[in-house]
Amino acid sequence: MLIDHRTRSERPVVAGMRLPNGMVITPDGRTLFVADTYAREIIQFQITPDGDLIDRRLLASLEDSPDGLALDSELGIWACCPLASVCRRIDSDGQVTDEISVPGWAIVACALGGPDGRTLFLAMAQFDSVASLFAGESRGRIVSTSVAVAAAATPSG
């Protein structure tokens, strides 16, 4: 749904996704990348001036279900795959170029930042079962590591 805050109305802009999850927008504001968790895909859309999403394109099919995303300055996507305990970098051609593994931890979200933009922050959880997770019986942490490609500029500059 696209929500017009001026009129407080909403309208669908994309159908046919199974579980849209993590999203990032390129610095120019013209491209949206979405993790479709159940489909195990990263999908790319062009954003029109009216906010519609067009030109749907499959960027990558993954072995594991993606969750949170981060974008680097080469338009590489860092995709967290919680059930596999990995975060993978996918280049603009859809190829996996890097992988960070943290065995025993579900990596659910990531962000690039730090003084030079080359610090990848990973938010992760550890739990015994989905039921224990929802019962609040989990442990969490954020870790960081250095990566080769810096963060993309923010859409605002």
Protein backbone atom coordinates (compact mmCIF):
# COMPACT_ATOMS: atom_id res chain seq x y z
CA MET A 1 0.00 0.00 0.00
CA LEU A 2 1.08 3.54 -0.64
CA ILE A 3 -0.30 5.97 1.91
CA ASP A 4 -0.89 9.56 0.86
CA HIS A 5 -0.42 11.50 4.09
CA ARG A 6 -2.13 14.57 2.65
CA THR A 7 -5.40 12.78 1.95
CA ARG A 8 -4.87 9.91 4.43
CA SER A 9 -5.70 7.46 1.68
CA GLU A 10 -3.84 4.34 0.67
CA ARG A 11 -3.50 2.34 -2.50
CA PRO A 12 -1.70 -0.85 -3.43
CA VAL A 13 1.45 -0.35 -5.49
CA VAL A 14 2.62 -3.98 -5.74
CA ALA A 15 0.85 -7.31 -5.58
CA GLY A 16 2.18 -10.83 -5.69
CA MET A 17 4.80 -10.73 -2.98
CA ARG A 18 4.78 -13.48 -0.35
CA LEU A 19 6.30 -11.67 2.63
CA PRO A 20 7.89 -8.31 1.79
CA ASN A 21 10.35 -7.51 4.54
CA GLY A 22 13.59 -5.50 4.58
CA MET A 23 13.74 -2.57 2.15
CA VAL A 24 16.33 -0.03 1.01
CA ILE A 25 16.12 2.89 -1.42
CA THR A 26 19.00 4.11 -3.57
CA PRO A 27 20.42 7.58 -2.83
CA ASP A 28 18.71 9.07 -5.90
CA GLY A 29 15.33 7.86 -4.57
CA ARG A 30 14.55 6.05 -7.82
CA THR A 31 15.06 2.38 -6.93
CA LEU A 32 13.63 0.22 -4.14
CA PHE A 33 15.06 -3.17 -3.15
CA VAL A 34 12.81 -5.51 -1.13
CA ALA A 35 13.56 -8.80 0.61
CA ASP A 36 10.71 -11.22 -0.11
CA THR A 37 11.34 -13.53 2.82
CA TYR A 38 9.16 -16.53 1.92
CA ALA A 39 10.10 -16.41 -1.77
CA ARG A 40 13.83 -16.22 -0.81
CA GLU A 41 14.35 -13.36 -3.24
CA ILE A 42 15.63 -9.81 -3.45
CA ILE A 43 13.35 -7.83 -5.77
CA GLN A 44 14.17 -4.48 -7.40
CA PHE A 45 11.60 -1.86 -8.44
CA GLN A 46 11.81 1.54 -10.07
CA ILE A 47 9.99 4.27 -8.13
CA THR A 48 7.93 6.71 -10.19
CA PRO A 49 7.52 10.38 -9.21
CA ASP A 50 4.00 9.48 -8.01
CA GLY A 51 5.38 6.74 -5.75
CA ASP A 52 4.30 3.80 -7.86
CA LEU A 53 6.60 0.80 -8.15
CA ILE A 54 7.26 -0.37 -11.71
CA ASP A 55 9.70 -2.54 -13.66
CA ARG A 56 9.81 -5.37 -11.13
CA ARG A 57 13.08 -7.28 -11.53
CA LEU A 58 14.52 -10.24 -9.69
CA LEU A 59 17.94 -9.22 -8.37
CA ALA A 60 18.74 -12.52 -6.65
CA SER A 61 17.29 -15.86 -5.62
CA LEU A 62 18.85 -16.97 -2.36
CA GLU A 63 19.40 -20.29 -0.63
CA ASP A 64 17.90 -18.86 2.54
CA SER A 65 15.12 -16.46 3.51
CA PRO A 66 16.29 -12.82 3.57
CA ASP A 67 15.20 -10.36 6.24
CA GLY A 68 16.87 -6.98 6.88
CA LEU A 69 18.81 -5.19 4.13
CA ALA A 70 21.51 -2.53 3.85
CA LEU A 71 22.81 -0.77 0.73
CA ASP A 72 26.41 0.09 -0.08
CA SER A 73 27.87 2.70 -2.43
CA GLU A 74 28.30 0.19 -5.28
CA LEU A 75 24.58 -0.69 -5.02
CA GLY A 76 25.51 -3.94 -3.30
CA ILE A 77 22.86 -5.28 -0.96
CA TRP A 78 23.73 -6.81 2.41
CA ALA A 79 20.93 -9.31 3.14
CA CYS A 80 20.46 -10.90 6.55
CA CYS A 81 19.38 -14.55 6.48
CA PRO A 82 18.37 -15.31 10.08
CA LEU A 83 17.69 -19.03 9.77
CA ALA A 84 21.11 -19.60 8.16
CA SER A 85 22.96 -17.33 10.64
CA VAL A 86 24.54 -15.38 7.77
CA CYS A 87 24.57 -11.95 6.18
CA ARG A 88 25.41 -11.98 2.47
CA ARG A 89 26.47 -9.18 0.13
CA ILE A 90 24.82 -9.36 -3.28
CA ASP A 91 26.31 -7.21 -6.03
CA SER A 92 24.31 -5.26 -8.62
CA ASP A 93 24.44 -8.31 -10.93
CA GLY A 94 22.78 -10.52 -8.29
CA GLN A 95 25.93 -12.44 -7.36
CA VAL A 96 26.90 -13.19 -3.75
CA THR A 97 30.32 -11.59 -3.20
CA ASP A 98 30.74 -11.78 0.58
CA GLU A 99 29.32 -13.75 3.48
CA ILE A 100 29.52 -13.19 7.21
CA SER A 101 28.54 -16.14 9.36
CA VAL A 102 27.70 -16.02 13.06
CA PRO A 103 26.80 -19.62 14.00
CA GLY A 104 24.03 -20.00 16.53
CA TRP A 105 22.66 -16.48 16.06
CA ALA A 106 19.75 -15.37 13.88
CA ILE A 107 20.97 -12.24 12.05
CA VAL A 108 17.80 -10.21 11.50
CA ALA A 109 18.90 -6.68 10.58
CA CYS A 110 21.98 -4.83 9.38
CA ALA A 111 23.17 -1.29 8.78
CA LEU A 112 26.27 0.29 7.31
CA GLY A 113 27.82 3.25 9.10
CA GLY A 114 30.69 4.39 11.24
CA PRO A 115 33.14 7.22 10.50
CA ASP A 116 34.04 5.92 7.02
CA GLY A 117 30.78 4.06 6.28
CA ARG A 118 32.61 0.71 6.24
CA THR A 119 31.27 -0.69 9.52
CA LEU A 120 28.55 -3.29 9.09
CA PHE A 121 26.37 -3.54 12.20
CA LEU A 122 24.48 -6.81 12.64
CA ALA A 123 21.48 -7.16 14.96
CA MET A 124 20.94 -10.74 16.03
CA ALA A 125 18.98 -12.94 18.38
CA GLN A 126 19.43 -16.35 19.92
CA PHE A 127 16.45 -18.44 21.00
CA ASP A 128 15.44 -22.06 21.50
CA SER A 129 12.22 -21.98 19.48
CA VAL A 130 9.87 -19.53 17.82
CA ALA A 131 7.55 -19.92 20.83
CA SER A 132 10.37 -18.96 23.21
CA LEU A 133 11.20 -15.97 21.01
CA PHE A 134 7.62 -14.65 21.19
CA ALA A 135 7.54 -15.35 24.93
CA GLY A 136 10.50 -13.00 25.36
CA GLU A 137 12.91 -15.81 26.18
CA SER A 138 15.66 -14.78 23.81
CA ARG A 139 19.03 -13.13 23.93
CA GLY A 140 20.08 -10.37 21.59
CA ARG A 141 23.19 -8.46 20.62
CA ILE A 142 24.62 -6.15 18.02
CA VAL A 143 28.05 -6.85 16.60
CA SER A 144 30.09 -4.98 14.02
CA THR A 145 32.69 -5.81 11.45
CA SER A 146 34.60 -3.91 8.77
CA VAL A 147 33.65 -4.32 5.12
CA ALA A 148 35.34 -3.24 1.90
CA VAL A 149 32.60 -1.08 0.37
CA ALA A 150 31.22 1.95 2.23
CA ALA A 151 27.58 2.73 2.83
CA ALA A 152 25.51 4.41 0.15
CA ALA A 153 24.65 8.04 0.76
CA THR A 154 21.27 8.59 2.33
CA PRO A 155 18.46 9.55 -0.08
CA SER A 156 18.43 13.04 1.41
CA GLY A 157 22.07 13.58 0.56
